[in-house]
Each structure stands twice: as structure tokens, then as C-alpha cells.
Amino acid sequence: MAAGMLVAAEEVFAESGLAKAHVEDIARRAGVAVGTLYNYYKDRDGLLAAVLASRIDELTEELHGAVERTATSPVRAALLELSRTYFRFVGRRLTFARILSEGELTQLKDSYPTSATIPAGCWQAFREVFRAVMLRGVAEGTLPSDETGLDLWLFMGLLRGVVMRDLRGAGSCKESDADRVIEVFFDGAAAR
């Protein structure tokens, strides 16, 4: 039952926006009484925090799985698999990506004090997974050691750019976008 409430909450938050989402709409979508929601979650902030935490756990698990699958692969192949994993996740969880990426949550930190702290932690955890793989690239000589910090931010920017394109309706995030991200990152934008 709780999983259904989280899915309903994620959908309502994404459709209505965080400021206009009502617990009554979430309960109706989940097929439960409002009181039932409050038995599980203290308030809207608690419900949104649970949605975010659930999706972050799901994404982190998938990324760590990709790291394990590519532990002995060259860094380019490992980053490709991580990127594909991320884009598959976003394709399935676009509403989560919208909540996490569009900045509305930080503007509503008074209404969602617990939830507003979650995106920064998510992005940090996400960066750490990619950073560990990039450090492998430094060790194997694929990436320069003096640019690891900047390279990580550039790579993350490429991934985020693809997702933002999707969120703005200019394209659909798909797994194959990872191939172009890797090509641009390693070979430059003119590569083809």
C-alpha cells in the first residue's frame, strides 16, 4: 500500500507542481483515505521526502550495479554503462527527475524543509559514483589527473543537459543518448 501511495504522490507532485499538490488528490489517486496517508506520513513534506528517498535508493542501487558490472572494464566502457543506466532510470522515472531538477523544491523550502535538503545530497552521491570511475580513468591513463575535478563537472553537465532537454520537451531521454555523451566527453563535439 505504501508503494502505491508513493507512486501516486510522485505523479501528483509532478503534474500539479509542489506548491499546488494536495494530499486529497494524492489519496484519491492512491485509492486510500486521507487519514491513511497521514498514518504513514506526517505531512506533505514527509510524503515528498519518502518519494525522493525511495527513488534515490533505486537509482543508487542501479548505479552501483553498473559499477560492479564494469569493475574490470576500461573507464570509457564503465562511464558508458553508468550513463546508460542513468538514462534508463530517468526514462522510467521522469517525474522524479522533474522534481529533482527543476528547482521548484528549493523555492519552497519553507513548505518542504525536509525534502528541500534531499536533492543536494542526491547529486553529491551521484557525483561520487561517477568520480570513483573517473579516478580509475586517471589510474589507467585515460583521463588527466590534473583535470579530474573539472572533468567530473563537465561530464555531469552533459548528463544533466540531456535530462533537461527531455524535461523541456525538446527530446526524449533514451539510453542511446549515452553513446553521444561519451563520444563528446572523450572525443569532442566534432567527433562523428
C-alpha atoms as a PDB file:
ATOM      1  CA  MET A   1       0.000   0.000   0.000  1.00  0.00           C
ATOM      2  CA  ALA A   2       2.797   2.451   0.892  1.00  0.00           C
ATOM      3  CA  ALA A   3       4.444   1.903  -2.508  1.00  0.00           C
ATOM      4  CA  GLY A   4       1.176   2.825  -4.246  1.00  0.00           C
ATOM      5  CA  MET A   5       0.939   5.987  -2.174  1.00  0.00           C
ATOM      6  CA  LEU A   6       4.469   6.955  -3.182  1.00  0.00           C
ATOM      7  CA  VAL A   7       3.729   6.428  -6.867  1.00  0.00           C
ATOM      8  CA  ALA A   8       0.524   8.475  -6.582  1.00  0.00           C
ATOM      9  CA  ALA A   9       2.366  11.211  -4.698  1.00  0.00           C
ATOM     10  CA  GLU A  10       5.143  11.331  -7.272  1.00  0.00           C
ATOM     11  CA  GLU A  11       2.603  11.683 -10.086  1.00  0.00           C
ATOM     12  CA  VAL A  12       0.545  14.375  -8.349  1.00  0.00           C
ATOM     13  CA  PHE A  13       3.622  16.370  -7.321  1.00  0.00           C
ATOM     14  CA  ALA A  14       4.899  16.263 -10.893  1.00  0.00           C
ATOM     15  CA  GLU A  15       1.560  17.085 -12.528  1.00  0.00           C
ATOM     16  CA  SER A  16       0.345  19.781 -10.141  1.00  0.00           C
ATOM     17  CA  GLY A  17       3.660  21.193  -9.038  1.00  0.00           C
ATOM     18  CA  LEU A  18       4.844  21.094  -5.471  1.00  0.00           C
ATOM     19  CA  ALA A  19       3.031  24.261  -4.420  1.00  0.00           C
ATOM     20  CA  LYS A  20      -0.360  23.105  -5.728  1.00  0.00           C
ATOM     21  CA  ALA A  21      -0.250  19.404  -4.910  1.00  0.00           C
ATOM     22  CA  HIS A  22      -2.938  18.449  -2.411  1.00  0.00           C
ATOM     23  CA  VAL A  23      -2.914  15.476  -0.080  1.00  0.00           C
ATOM     24  CA  GLU A  24      -6.534  14.833  -1.041  1.00  0.00           C
ATOM     25  CA  ASP A  25      -5.528  14.390  -4.700  1.00  0.00           C
ATOM     26  CA  ILE A  26      -2.716  12.040  -3.726  1.00  0.00           C
ATOM     27  CA  ALA A  27      -5.040   9.953  -1.551  1.00  0.00           C
ATOM     28  CA  ARG A  28      -7.665   9.788  -4.315  1.00  0.00           C
ATOM     29  CA  ARG A  29      -5.055   8.697  -6.865  1.00  0.00           C
ATOM     30  CA  ALA A  30      -3.696   6.070  -4.441  1.00  0.00           C
ATOM     31  CA  GLY A  31      -7.211   4.833  -3.693  1.00  0.00           C
ATOM     32  CA  VAL A  32      -6.912   5.449   0.046  1.00  0.00           C
ATOM     33  CA  ALA A  33      -8.442   7.813   2.579  1.00  0.00           C
ATOM     34  CA  VAL A  34      -6.552  10.979   3.508  1.00  0.00           C
ATOM     35  CA  GLY A  35      -6.256   9.657   7.051  1.00  0.00           C
ATOM     36  CA  THR A  36      -4.477   6.587   5.736  1.00  0.00           C
ATOM     37  CA  LEU A  37      -1.835   8.800   4.152  1.00  0.00           C
ATOM     38  CA  TYR A  38      -1.345  10.558   7.464  1.00  0.00           C
ATOM     39  CA  ASN A  39      -0.948   7.202   9.192  1.00  0.00           C
ATOM     40  CA  TYR A  40       2.163   6.656   7.054  1.00  0.00           C
ATOM     41  CA  TYR A  41       3.444  10.210   6.562  1.00  0.00           C
ATOM     42  CA  LYS A  42       3.358  13.192   8.900  1.00  0.00           C
ATOM     43  CA  ASP A  43       2.558  15.741   6.175  1.00  0.00           C
ATOM     44  CA  ARG A  44       3.179  16.610   2.509  1.00  0.00           C
ATOM     45  CA  ASP A  45       6.835  17.239   3.257  1.00  0.00           C
ATOM     46  CA  GLY A  46       7.187  13.779   4.800  1.00  0.00           C
ATOM     47  CA  LEU A  47       5.431  12.239   1.826  1.00  0.00           C
ATOM     48  CA  LEU A  48       7.631  14.050  -0.697  1.00  0.00           C
ATOM     49  CA  ALA A  49      10.752  13.165   1.302  1.00  0.00           C
ATOM     50  CA  ALA A  50       9.711   9.498   1.191  1.00  0.00           C
ATOM     51  CA  VAL A  51       9.181   9.693  -2.584  1.00  0.00           C
ATOM     52  CA  LEU A  52      12.590  11.263  -3.115  1.00  0.00           C
ATOM     53  CA  ALA A  53      14.370   8.858  -0.767  1.00  0.00           C
ATOM     54  CA  SER A  54      12.757   5.859  -2.451  1.00  0.00           C
ATOM     55  CA  ARG A  55      13.795   6.971  -5.936  1.00  0.00           C
ATOM     56  CA  ILE A  56      17.307   7.925  -4.805  1.00  0.00           C
ATOM     57  CA  ASP A  57      17.750   4.476  -3.268  1.00  0.00           C
ATOM     58  CA  GLU A  58      16.539   2.902  -6.512  1.00  0.00           C
ATOM     59  CA  LEU A  59      18.916   4.994  -8.642  1.00  0.00           C
ATOM     60  CA  THR A  60      21.874   4.440  -6.317  1.00  0.00           C
ATOM     61  CA  GLU A  61      21.310   0.688  -6.364  1.00  0.00           C
ATOM     62  CA  GLU A  62      21.194   0.659 -10.155  1.00  0.00           C
ATOM     63  CA  LEU A  63      24.339   2.792 -10.472  1.00  0.00           C
ATOM     64  CA  HIS A  64      26.255   0.614  -8.032  1.00  0.00           C
ATOM     65  CA  GLY A  65      25.169  -2.415 -10.043  1.00  0.00           C
ATOM     66  CA  ALA A  66      26.602  -0.781 -13.171  1.00  0.00           C
ATOM     67  CA  VAL A  67      29.859  -0.083 -11.341  1.00  0.00           C
ATOM     68  CA  GLU A  68      30.079  -3.737 -10.280  1.00  0.00           C
ATOM     69  CA  ARG A  69      29.346  -4.982 -13.807  1.00  0.00           C
ATOM     70  CA  THR A  70      32.119  -2.803 -15.234  1.00  0.00           C
ATOM     71  CA  ALA A  71      34.717  -3.114 -12.463  1.00  0.00           C
ATOM     72  CA  THR A  72      37.306  -4.558 -14.834  1.00  0.00           C
ATOM     73  CA  SER A  73      36.236  -2.652 -17.955  1.00  0.00           C
ATOM     74  CA  PRO A  74      38.106   0.349 -19.353  1.00  0.00           C
ATOM     75  CA  VAL A  75      36.817   3.633 -17.928  1.00  0.00           C
ATOM     76  CA  ARG A  76      35.170   4.655 -21.196  1.00  0.00           C
ATOM     77  CA  ALA A  77      33.057   1.485 -21.175  1.00  0.00           C
ATOM     78  CA  ALA A  78      32.293   1.917 -17.476  1.00  0.00           C
ATOM     79  CA  LEU A  79      31.131   5.522 -17.940  1.00  0.00           C
ATOM     80  CA  LEU A  80      29.046   4.442 -20.917  1.00  0.00           C
ATOM     81  CA  GLU A  81      27.300   1.776 -18.841  1.00  0.00           C
ATOM     82  CA  LEU A  82      26.757   4.210 -15.948  1.00  0.00           C
ATOM     83  CA  SER A  83      25.308   6.781 -18.349  1.00  0.00           C
ATOM     84  CA  ARG A  84      23.024   4.216 -19.975  1.00  0.00           C
ATOM     85  CA  THR A  85      21.872   3.098 -16.540  1.00  0.00           C
ATOM     86  CA  TYR A  86      21.136   6.689 -15.560  1.00  0.00           C
ATOM     87  CA  PHE A  87      19.203   7.443 -18.749  1.00  0.00           C
ATOM     88  CA  ARG A  88      17.179   4.227 -18.432  1.00  0.00           C
ATOM     89  CA  PHE A  89      16.291   5.259 -14.905  1.00  0.00           C
ATOM     90  CA  VAL A  90      15.296   8.777 -15.960  1.00  0.00           C
ATOM     91  CA  GLY A  91      13.206   7.338 -18.779  1.00  0.00           C
ATOM     92  CA  ARG A  92      11.257   5.289 -16.220  1.00  0.00           C
ATOM     93  CA  ARG A  93      11.209   7.966 -13.513  1.00  0.00           C
ATOM     94  CA  LEU A  94      10.833  11.217 -15.403  1.00  0.00           C
ATOM     95  CA  THR A  95       8.564  12.649 -12.737  1.00  0.00           C
ATOM     96  CA  PHE A  96      11.319  12.106 -10.155  1.00  0.00           C
ATOM     97  CA  ALA A  97      13.840  13.780 -12.462  1.00  0.00           C
ATOM     98  CA  ARG A  98      11.488  16.732 -12.862  1.00  0.00           C
ATOM     99  CA  ILE A  99      11.063  17.157  -9.099  1.00  0.00           C
ATOM    100  CA  LEU A 100      14.794  16.813  -8.519  1.00  0.00           C
ATOM    101  CA  SER A 101      15.973  19.020 -11.371  1.00  0.00           C
ATOM    102  CA  GLU A 102      13.594  21.887 -11.901  1.00  0.00           C
ATOM    103  CA  GLY A 103      14.400  23.902  -8.785  1.00  0.00           C
ATOM    104  CA  GLU A 104      10.839  24.329  -7.528  1.00  0.00           C
ATOM    105  CA  LEU A 105      11.724  22.456  -4.360  1.00  0.00           C
ATOM    106  CA  THR A 106      14.421  24.919  -3.330  1.00  0.00           C
ATOM    107  CA  GLN A 107      11.974  27.790  -3.841  1.00  0.00           C
ATOM    108  CA  LEU A 108       9.521  26.088  -1.476  1.00  0.00           C
ATOM    109  CA  LYS A 109      11.963  25.187   1.291  1.00  0.00           C
ATOM    110  CA  ASP A 110       9.661  26.713   3.924  1.00  0.00           C
ATOM    111  CA  SER A 111       6.840  24.373   2.875  1.00  0.00           C
ATOM    112  CA  TYR A 112       9.126  21.380   2.383  1.00  0.00           C
ATOM    113  CA  PRO A 113      12.011  21.820   4.853  1.00  0.00           C
ATOM    114  CA  THR A 114      12.984  18.145   4.950  1.00  0.00           C
ATOM    115  CA  SER A 115      12.541  17.486   1.244  1.00  0.00           C
ATOM    116  CA  ALA A 116      14.419  20.625   0.197  1.00  0.00           C
ATOM    117  CA  THR A 117      17.658  19.237   1.626  1.00  0.00           C
ATOM    118  CA  ILE A 118      17.458  15.972  -0.316  1.00  0.00           C
ATOM    119  CA  PRO A 119      18.405  16.983  -3.911  1.00  0.00           C
ATOM    120  CA  ALA A 120      21.840  18.292  -2.945  1.00  0.00           C
ATOM    121  CA  GLY A 121      22.613  15.032  -1.188  1.00  0.00           C
ATOM    122  CA  CYS A 122      21.372  13.052  -4.160  1.00  0.00           C
ATOM    123  CA  TRP A 123      23.546  14.948  -6.623  1.00  0.00           C
ATOM    124  CA  GLN A 124      26.541  14.542  -4.302  1.00  0.00           C
ATOM    125  CA  ALA A 125      26.029  10.779  -4.042  1.00  0.00           C
ATOM    126  CA  PHE A 126      25.537  10.591  -7.796  1.00  0.00           C
ATOM    127  CA  ARG A 127      28.768  12.552  -8.427  1.00  0.00           C
ATOM    128  CA  GLU A 128      30.685  10.272  -6.071  1.00  0.00           C
ATOM    129  CA  VAL A 129      29.760   7.196  -8.100  1.00  0.00           C
ATOM    130  CA  PHE A 130      30.993   8.839 -11.309  1.00  0.00           C
ATOM    131  CA  ARG A 131      34.044  10.312  -9.559  1.00  0.00           C
ATOM    132  CA  ALA A 132      35.197   6.861  -8.444  1.00  0.00           C
ATOM    133  CA  VAL A 133      35.054   5.616 -12.027  1.00  0.00           C
ATOM    134  CA  MET A 134      36.869   8.713 -13.295  1.00  0.00           C
ATOM    135  CA  LEU A 135      39.644   8.136 -10.773  1.00  0.00           C
ATOM    136  CA  ARG A 136      40.028   4.693 -12.325  1.00  0.00           C
ATOM    137  CA  GLY A 137      40.446   6.538 -15.617  1.00  0.00           C
ATOM    138  CA  VAL A 138      43.250   8.599 -14.134  1.00  0.00           C
ATOM    139  CA  ALA A 139      44.925   5.415 -12.868  1.00  0.00           C
ATOM    140  CA  GLU A 140      44.685   3.762 -16.295  1.00  0.00           C
ATOM    141  CA  GLY A 141      45.879   6.923 -18.073  1.00  0.00           C
ATOM    142  CA  THR A 142      42.628   7.570 -19.939  1.00  0.00           C
ATOM    143  CA  LEU A 143      41.924  10.815 -18.084  1.00  0.00           C
ATOM    144  CA  PRO A 144      44.387  13.501 -16.965  1.00  0.00           C
ATOM    145  CA  SER A 145      44.990  13.603 -13.218  1.00  0.00           C
ATOM    146  CA  ASP A 146      45.132  17.383 -13.016  1.00  0.00           C
ATOM    147  CA  GLU A 147      41.658  17.816 -14.534  1.00  0.00           C
ATOM    148  CA  THR A 148      39.667  15.193 -12.607  1.00  0.00           C
ATOM    149  CA  GLY A 149      37.546  17.746 -10.736  1.00  0.00           C
ATOM    150  CA  LEU A 150      36.681  19.752 -13.827  1.00  0.00           C
ATOM    151  CA  ASP A 151      36.176  16.646 -15.944  1.00  0.00           C
ATOM    152  CA  LEU A 152      33.674  15.313 -13.425  1.00  0.00           C
ATOM    153  CA  TRP A 153      31.643  18.546 -13.547  1.00  0.00           C
ATOM    154  CA  LEU A 154      31.785  18.623 -17.350  1.00  0.00           C
ATOM    155  CA  PHE A 155      30.614  15.030 -17.567  1.00  0.00           C
ATOM    156  CA  MET A 156      27.798  15.607 -15.082  1.00  0.00           C
ATOM    157  CA  GLY A 157      26.792  18.681 -17.082  1.00  0.00           C
ATOM    158  CA  LEU A 158      26.482  16.589 -20.230  1.00  0.00           C
ATOM    159  CA  LEU A 159      24.243  14.084 -18.460  1.00  0.00           C
ATOM    160  CA  ARG A 160      22.131  16.826 -16.907  1.00  0.00           C
ATOM    161  CA  GLY A 161      21.841  18.584 -20.271  1.00  0.00           C
ATOM    162  CA  VAL A 162      20.266  15.503 -21.849  1.00  0.00           C
ATOM    163  CA  VAL A 163      17.778  15.206 -18.993  1.00  0.00           C
ATOM    164  CA  MET A 164      16.918  18.913 -19.097  1.00  0.00           C
ATOM    165  CA  ARG A 165      16.317  18.657 -22.850  1.00  0.00           C
ATOM    166  CA  ASP A 166      13.772  15.963 -22.097  1.00  0.00           C
ATOM    167  CA  LEU A 167      12.166  17.918 -19.266  1.00  0.00           C
ATOM    168  CA  ARG A 168      11.780  20.925 -21.561  1.00  0.00           C
ATOM    169  CA  GLY A 169      10.072  18.794 -24.209  1.00  0.00           C
ATOM    170  CA  ALA A 170      12.822  19.170 -26.798  1.00  0.00           C
ATOM    171  CA  GLY A 171      13.551  15.461 -26.982  1.00  0.00           C
ATOM    172  CA  SER A 172      13.098  12.209 -25.185  1.00  0.00           C
ATOM    173  CA  CYS A 173      15.826  10.902 -22.892  1.00  0.00           C
ATOM    174  CA  LYS A 174      16.836   7.480 -24.110  1.00  0.00           C
ATOM    175  CA  GLU A 175      19.567   5.019 -23.307  1.00  0.00           C
ATOM    176  CA  SER A 176      21.304   5.594 -26.650  1.00  0.00           C
ATOM    177  CA  ASP A 177      21.915   9.244 -25.696  1.00  0.00           C
ATOM    178  CA  ALA A 178      24.703   7.868 -23.523  1.00  0.00           C
ATOM    179  CA  ASP A 179      26.695   6.976 -26.643  1.00  0.00           C
ATOM    180  CA  ARG A 180      26.784  10.625 -27.749  1.00  0.00           C
ATOM    181  CA  VAL A 181      27.608  11.847 -24.240  1.00  0.00           C
ATOM    182  CA  ILE A 182      30.613   9.516 -24.108  1.00  0.00           C
ATOM    183  CA  GLU A 183      31.671  10.476 -27.638  1.00  0.00           C
ATOM    184  CA  VAL A 184      31.541  14.199 -26.822  1.00  0.00           C
ATOM    185  CA  PHE A 185      33.294  13.749 -23.490  1.00  0.00           C
ATOM    186  CA  PHE A 186      36.171  11.640 -24.788  1.00  0.00           C
ATOM    187  CA  ASP A 187      36.473  12.745 -28.423  1.00  0.00           C
ATOM    188  CA  GLY A 188      34.977  16.247 -28.576  1.00  0.00           C
ATOM    189  CA  ALA A 189      31.811  17.685 -30.051  1.00  0.00           C
ATOM    190  CA  ALA A 190      33.069  17.463 -33.639  1.00  0.00           C
ATOM    191  CA  ALA A 191      33.515  13.693 -33.429  1.00  0.00           C
ATOM    192  CA  ARG A 192      31.292  11.571 -35.690  1.00  0.00           C
END
